Structures are given as structure tokens and as C-alpha cells.
């Protein structure tokens, strides 16, 4: 049995999401979040969304 990991992370996009389509027309969104991890530190987290969620990310998420 395989499990699914889930995390809820709040941060700022470092750039607008990049949307690409695979050969089977599945949407894939790549984006990076900057998350404050301390007083003067930030962590950068690479994220990937697939399918309908990728399309929503491309439509509604903007840098900032």
C-alpha cells in the first residue's frame, strides 16, 4: 500500500508558475515558494501540480 504525503505551506511565489503539457495533454505546473523559516532566513520549496490543479495554478497564481 502506498501513501500520499500532504503538507500545507504558506509562502510567496518566486515567479509565475510555468505550465507545460505532456504528450497525453496532462497539464503540469512547476513553481517555487519562498517560505520564512526564521528571523532572517527563507527556505525555497520546489512544487509540482498536475492535471486540473495545474491549470488552476496557472490561471490564479502570480508572483508576489
PDB file of N, CA and C in Angstrom:
ATOM      1  N   UNK A   1       0.849  -1.187   0.000  1.00  0.00           N
ATOM      2  CA  UNK A   1       0.000   0.000   0.000  1.00  0.00           C
ATOM      3  C   UNK A   1       0.885   1.237   0.000  1.00  0.00           C
ATOM      4  N   UNK A   2       0.608   2.129  -0.919  1.00  0.00           N
ATOM      5  CA  UNK A   2       1.370   3.371  -0.980  1.00  0.00           C
ATOM      6  C   UNK A   2       0.573   4.489  -0.340  1.00  0.00           C
ATOM      7  N   UNK A   3       1.264   5.405   0.281  1.00  0.00           N
ATOM      8  CA  UNK A   3       0.611   6.524   0.946  1.00  0.00           C
ATOM      9  C   UNK A   3       0.858   7.812   0.188  1.00  0.00           C
ATOM     10  N   UNK A   4       0.104   8.806   0.523  1.00  0.00           N
ATOM     11  CA  UNK A   4       0.235  10.116  -0.083  1.00  0.00           C
ATOM     12  C   UNK A   4       0.644  11.090   1.010  1.00  0.00           C
ATOM     13  N   UNK A   5       1.732  11.796   0.768  1.00  0.00           N
ATOM     14  CA  UNK A   5       2.171  12.807   1.727  1.00  0.00           C
ATOM     15  C   UNK A   5       1.492  14.120   1.404  1.00  0.00           C
ATOM     16  N   UNK A   6       1.090  14.822   2.433  1.00  0.00           N
ATOM     17  CA  UNK A   6       0.419  16.101   2.247  1.00  0.00           C
ATOM     18  C   UNK A   6       1.039  17.111   3.204  1.00  0.00           C
ATOM     19  N   UNK A   7       1.289  18.305   2.697  1.00  0.00           N
ATOM     20  CA  UNK A   7       1.821  19.387   3.521  1.00  0.00           C
ATOM     21  C   UNK A   7       1.084  20.668   3.164  1.00  0.00           C
ATOM     22  N   UNK A   8       0.867  21.502   4.154  1.00  0.00           N
ATOM     23  CA  UNK A   8       0.269  22.811   3.922  1.00  0.00           C
ATOM     24  C   UNK A   8       1.355  23.836   4.211  1.00  0.00           C
ATOM     25  N   UNK A   9       1.707  24.607   3.176  1.00  0.00           N
ATOM     26  CA  UNK A   9       2.817  25.546   3.272  1.00  0.00           C
ATOM     27  C   UNK A   9       2.331  26.914   2.791  1.00  0.00           C
ATOM     28  N   UNK A  10       2.620  27.934   3.559  1.00  0.00           N
ATOM     29  CA  UNK A  10       2.275  29.301   3.154  1.00  0.00           C
ATOM     30  C   UNK A  10       3.560  30.042   2.823  1.00  0.00           C
ATOM     31  N   UNK A  11       3.573  30.692   1.667  1.00  0.00           N
ATOM     32  CA  UNK A  11       4.756  31.428   1.257  1.00  0.00           C
ATOM     33  C   UNK A  11       4.433  32.330   0.082  1.00  0.00           C
ATOM     34  N   UNK A  12       5.483  32.819  -0.553  1.00  0.00           N
ATOM     35  CA  UNK A  12       5.343  33.705  -1.708  1.00  0.00           C
ATOM     36  C   UNK A  12       5.960  33.026  -2.923  1.00  0.00           C
ATOM     37  N   UNK A  13       5.321  33.195  -4.070  1.00  0.00           N
ATOM     38  CA  UNK A  13       5.875  32.649  -5.306  1.00  0.00           C
ATOM     39  C   UNK A  13       7.084  33.471  -5.727  1.00  0.00           C
ATOM     40  N   UNK A  14       8.142  32.792  -6.157  1.00  0.00           N
ATOM     41  CA  UNK A  14       9.336  33.496  -6.626  1.00  0.00           C
ATOM     42  C   UNK A  14       9.198  33.903  -8.093  1.00  0.00           C
ATOM     43  N   UNK A  15       8.265  33.269  -8.812  1.00  0.00           N
ATOM     44  CA  UNK A  15       7.971  33.590 -10.218  1.00  0.00           C
ATOM     45  C   UNK A  15       6.594  33.025 -10.533  1.00  0.00           C
ATOM     46  N   UNK A  16       5.999  33.466 -11.620  1.00  0.00           N
ATOM     47  CA  UNK A  16       4.718  32.902 -12.043  1.00  0.00           C
ATOM     48  C   UNK A  16       4.899  31.418 -12.352  1.00  0.00           C
ATOM     49  N   UNK A  17       3.896  30.591 -12.092  1.00  0.00           N
ATOM     50  CA  UNK A  17       4.009  29.166 -12.395  1.00  0.00           C
ATOM     51  C   UNK A  17       4.264  28.925 -13.881  1.00  0.00           C
ATOM     52  N   UNK A  18       5.065  27.916 -14.160  1.00  0.00           N
ATOM     53  CA  UNK A  18       5.347  27.518 -15.540  1.00  0.00           C
ATOM     54  C   UNK A  18       4.467  26.315 -15.862  1.00  0.00           C
ATOM     55  N   UNK A  19       3.607  26.457 -16.865  1.00  0.00           N
ATOM     56  CA  UNK A  19       2.671  25.388 -17.234  1.00  0.00           C
ATOM     57  C   UNK A  19       3.159  24.728 -18.513  1.00  0.00           C
ATOM     58  N   UNK A  20       3.240  23.418 -18.475  1.00  0.00           N
ATOM     59  CA  UNK A  20       3.600  22.633 -19.657  1.00  0.00           C
ATOM     60  C   UNK A  20       2.587  21.513 -19.801  1.00  0.00           C
ATOM     61  N   UNK A  21       2.533  20.963 -20.994  1.00  0.00           N
ATOM     62  CA  UNK A  21       1.625  19.849 -21.258  1.00  0.00           C
ATOM     63  C   UNK A  21       2.430  18.640 -21.708  1.00  0.00           C
ATOM     64  N   UNK A  22       2.141  17.493 -21.115  1.00  0.00           N
ATOM     65  CA  UNK A  22       2.801  16.257 -21.509  1.00  0.00           C
ATOM     66  C   UNK A  22       2.205  15.763 -22.817  1.00  0.00           C
ATOM     67  N   UNK A  23       2.778  14.704 -23.377  1.00  0.00           N
ATOM     68  CA  UNK A  23       2.298  14.171 -24.650  1.00  0.00           C
ATOM     69  C   UNK A  23       0.841  13.728 -24.577  1.00  0.00           C
ATOM     70  N   UNK A  24       0.400  13.267 -23.410  1.00  0.00           N
ATOM     71  CA  UNK A  24      -1.004  12.855 -23.260  1.00  0.00           C
ATOM     72  C   UNK A  24      -1.908  14.025 -22.861  1.00  0.00           C
ATOM     73  N   UNK A  25      -1.391  15.256 -23.021  1.00  0.00           N
ATOM     74  CA  UNK A  25      -2.118  16.507 -22.758  1.00  0.00           C
ATOM     75  C   UNK A  25      -2.424  16.761 -21.286  1.00  0.00           C
ATOM     76  N   UNK A  26      -1.722  16.079 -20.385  1.00  0.00           N
ATOM     77  CA  UNK A  26      -1.843  16.356 -18.952  1.00  0.00           C
ATOM     78  C   UNK A  26      -1.078  17.634 -18.630  1.00  0.00           C
ATOM     79  N   UNK A  27      -1.726  18.579 -17.961  1.00  0.00           N
ATOM     80  CA  UNK A  27      -1.075  19.833 -17.573  1.00  0.00           C
ATOM     81  C   UNK A  27      -0.163  19.585 -16.377  1.00  0.00           C
ATOM     82  N   UNK A  28       1.003  20.238 -16.393  1.00  0.00           N
ATOM     83  CA  UNK A  28       1.967  20.154 -15.292  1.00  0.00           C
ATOM     84  C   UNK A  28       2.422  21.573 -14.972  1.00  0.00           C
ATOM     85  N   UNK A  29       2.273  21.976 -13.717  1.00  0.00           N
ATOM     86  CA  UNK A  29       2.695  23.309 -13.280  1.00  0.00           C
ATOM     87  C   UNK A  29       3.897  23.173 -12.348  1.00  0.00           C
ATOM     88  N   UNK A  30       4.945  23.944 -12.626  1.00  0.00           N
ATOM     89  CA  UNK A  30       6.120  24.000 -11.766  1.00  0.00           C
ATOM     90  C   UNK A  30       6.194  25.409 -11.186  1.00  0.00           C
ATOM     91  N   UNK A  31       6.412  25.490  -9.865  1.00  0.00           N
ATOM     92  CA  UNK A  31       6.600  26.791  -9.238  1.00  0.00           C
ATOM     93  C   UNK A  31       7.423  26.625  -7.979  1.00  0.00           C
ATOM     94  N   UNK A  32       7.934  27.739  -7.472  1.00  0.00           N
ATOM     95  CA  UNK A  32       8.804  27.721  -6.298  1.00  0.00           C
ATOM     96  C   UNK A  32       8.258  28.697  -5.265  1.00  0.00           C
ATOM     97  N   UNK A  33       8.206  28.244  -4.018  1.00  0.00           N
ATOM     98  CA  UNK A  33       7.729  29.073  -2.914  1.00  0.00           C
ATOM     99  C   UNK A  33       8.890  29.515  -2.035  1.00  0.00           C
ATOM    100  N   UNK A  34       8.886  30.770  -1.617  1.00  0.00           N
ATOM    101  CA  UNK A  34       9.808  31.275  -0.606  1.00  0.00           C
ATOM    102  C   UNK A  34       9.034  31.301   0.713  1.00  0.00           C
ATOM    103  N   UNK A  35       9.544  30.581   1.709  1.00  0.00           N
ATOM    104  CA  UNK A  35       8.864  30.450   2.999  1.00  0.00           C
ATOM    105  C   UNK A  35       9.793  30.969   4.090  1.00  0.00           C
ATOM    106  N   UNK A  36       9.304  31.892   4.905  1.00  0.00           N
ATOM    107  CA  UNK A  36      10.100  32.392   6.026  1.00  0.00           C
ATOM    108  C   UNK A  36      10.299  31.270   7.031  1.00  0.00           C
ATOM    109  N   UNK A  37      11.568  30.988   7.370  1.00  0.00           N
ATOM    110  CA  UNK A  37      11.857  29.903   8.298  1.00  0.00           C
ATOM    111  C   UNK A  37      12.507  30.396   9.586  1.00  0.00           C
ATOM    112  N   UNK A  38      12.649  31.664   9.716  1.00  0.00           N
ATOM    113  CA  UNK A  38      13.260  32.222  10.918  1.00  0.00           C
ATOM    114  C   UNK A  38      13.393  33.716  10.773  1.00  0.00           C
ATOM    115  N   UNK A  39      14.148  34.301  11.663  1.00  0.00           N
ATOM    116  CA  UNK A  39      14.274  35.753  11.701  1.00  0.00           C
ATOM    117  C   UNK A  39      14.750  36.336  10.367  1.00  0.00           C
ATOM    118  N   UNK A  40      15.871  35.834   9.854  1.00  0.00           N
ATOM    119  CA  UNK A  40      16.416  36.359   8.598  1.00  0.00           C
ATOM    120  C   UNK A  40      16.602  35.276   7.548  1.00  0.00           C
ATOM    121  N   UNK A  41      15.933  34.142   7.715  1.00  0.00           N
ATOM    122  CA  UNK A  41      16.122  33.014   6.804  1.00  0.00           C
ATOM    123  C   UNK A  41      14.860  32.718   6.014  1.00  0.00           C
ATOM    124  N   UNK A  42      15.065  32.248   4.794  1.00  0.00           N
ATOM    125  CA  UNK A  42      13.955  31.771   3.965  1.00  0.00           C
ATOM    126  C   UNK A  42      14.338  30.421   3.392  1.00  0.00           C
ATOM    127  N   UNK A  43      13.351  29.544   3.276  1.00  0.00           N
ATOM    128  CA  UNK A  43      13.522  28.274   2.583  1.00  0.00           C
ATOM    129  C   UNK A  43      12.824  28.393   1.245  1.00  0.00           C
ATOM    130  N   UNK A  44      13.378  27.745   0.221  1.00  0.00           N
ATOM    131  CA  UNK A  44      12.787  27.750  -1.107  1.00  0.00           C
ATOM    132  C   UNK A  44      12.342  26.331  -1.427  1.00  0.00           C
ATOM    133  N   UNK A  45      11.071  26.178  -1.729  1.00  0.00           N
ATOM    134  CA  UNK A  45      10.478  24.864  -1.924  1.00  0.00           C
ATOM    135  C   UNK A  45       9.966  24.745  -3.354  1.00  0.00           C
ATOM    136  N   UNK A  46      10.482  23.754  -4.075  1.00  0.00           N
ATOM    137  CA  UNK A  46      10.022  23.477  -5.441  1.00  0.00           C
ATOM    138  C   UNK A  46       8.729  22.674  -5.370  1.00  0.00           C
ATOM    139  N   UNK A  47       7.723  23.086  -6.142  1.00  0.00           N
ATOM    140  CA  UNK A  47       6.412  22.446  -6.127  1.00  0.00           C
ATOM    141  C   UNK A  47       5.999  22.050  -7.539  1.00  0.00           C
ATOM    142  N   UNK A  48       5.214  20.970  -7.633  1.00  0.00           N
ATOM    143  CA  UNK A  48       4.673  20.497  -8.910  1.00  0.00           C
ATOM    144  C   UNK A  48       3.202  20.179  -8.692  1.00  0.00           C
ATOM    145  N   UNK A  49       2.354  20.646  -9.607  1.00  0.00           N
ATOM    146  CA  UNK A  49       0.923  20.329  -9.584  1.00  0.00           C
ATOM    147  C   UNK A  49       0.576  19.687 -10.929  1.00  0.00           C
ATOM    148  N   UNK A  50      -0.375  18.747 -10.914  1.00  0.00           N
ATOM    149  CA  UNK A  50      -0.751  18.009 -12.113  1.00  0.00           C
ATOM    150  C   UNK A  50      -2.222  18.183 -12.439  1.00  0.00           C
ATOM    151  N   UNK A  51      -2.559  18.008 -13.707  1.00  0.00           N
ATOM    152  CA  UNK A  51      -3.954  17.967 -14.162  1.00  0.00           C
ATOM    153  C   UNK A  51      -4.697  19.266 -13.958  1.00  0.00           C
ATOM    154  N   UNK A  52      -5.925  19.144 -13.448  1.00  0.00           N
ATOM    155  CA  UNK A  52      -6.784  20.307 -13.243  1.00  0.00           C
ATOM    156  C   UNK A  52      -6.193  21.306 -12.268  1.00  0.00           C
ATOM    157  N   UNK A  53      -5.517  20.808 -11.220  1.00  0.00           N
ATOM    158  CA  UNK A  53      -4.894  21.704 -10.250  1.00  0.00           C
ATOM    159  C   UNK A  53      -3.797  22.536 -10.910  1.00  0.00           C
ATOM    160  N   UNK A  54      -3.064  21.947 -11.853  1.00  0.00           N
ATOM    161  CA  UNK A  54      -2.023  22.685 -12.573  1.00  0.00           C
ATOM    162  C   UNK A  54      -2.634  23.826 -13.378  1.00  0.00           C
ATOM    163  N   UNK A  55      -3.769  23.580 -14.019  1.00  0.00           N
ATOM    164  CA  UNK A  55      -4.445  24.626 -14.789  1.00  0.00           C
ATOM    165  C   UNK A  55      -4.902  25.757 -13.876  1.00  0.00           C
ATOM    166  N   UNK A  56      -5.430  25.421 -12.707  1.00  0.00           N
ATOM    167  CA  UNK A  56      -5.868  26.429 -11.746  1.00  0.00           C
ATOM    168  C   UNK A  56      -4.677  27.253 -11.259  1.00  0.00           C
ATOM    169  N   UNK A  57      -3.552  26.592 -10.979  1.00  0.00           N
ATOM    170  CA  UNK A  57      -2.349  27.300 -10.552  1.00  0.00           C
ATOM    171  C   UNK A  57      -1.910  28.305 -11.612  1.00  0.00           C
ATOM    172  N   UNK A  58      -1.916  27.894 -12.867  1.00  0.00           N
ATOM    173  CA  UNK A  58      -1.521  28.782 -13.954  1.00  0.00           C
ATOM    174  C   UNK A  58      -2.436  29.966 -14.127  1.00  0.00           C
ATOM    175  N   UNK A  59      -3.716  29.764 -13.835  1.00  0.00           N
ATOM    176  CA  UNK A  59      -4.695  30.826 -14.018  1.00  0.00           C
ATOM    177  C   UNK A  59      -4.713  31.827 -12.863  1.00  0.00           C
ATOM    178  N   UNK A  60      -4.564  31.350 -11.642  1.00  0.00           N
ATOM    179  CA  UNK A  60      -4.776  32.212 -10.468  1.00  0.00           C
ATOM    180  C   UNK A  60      -3.532  32.603  -9.687  1.00  0.00           C
ATOM    181  N   UNK A  61      -2.426  31.862  -9.818  1.00  0.00           N
ATOM    182  CA  UNK A  61      -1.239  32.177  -9.029  1.00  0.00           C
ATOM    183  C   UNK A  61      -0.319  33.112  -9.799  1.00  0.00           C
ATOM    184  N   UNK A  62       0.157  34.151  -9.123  1.00  0.00           N
ATOM    185  CA  UNK A  62       1.080  35.118  -9.711  1.00  0.00           C
ATOM    186  C   UNK A  62       2.177  35.413  -8.699  1.00  0.00           C
ATOM    187  N   UNK A  63       3.339  35.819  -9.195  1.00  0.00           N
ATOM    188  CA  UNK A  63       4.471  36.140  -8.350  1.00  0.00           C
ATOM    189  C   UNK A  63       4.094  37.209  -7.318  1.00  0.00           C
ATOM    190  N   UNK A  64       4.645  37.051  -6.104  1.00  0.00           N
ATOM    191  CA  UNK A  64       4.419  38.091  -5.091  1.00  0.00           C
ATOM    192  C   UNK A  64       4.041  37.568  -3.749  1.00  0.00           C
TER     193      UNK A  64
END
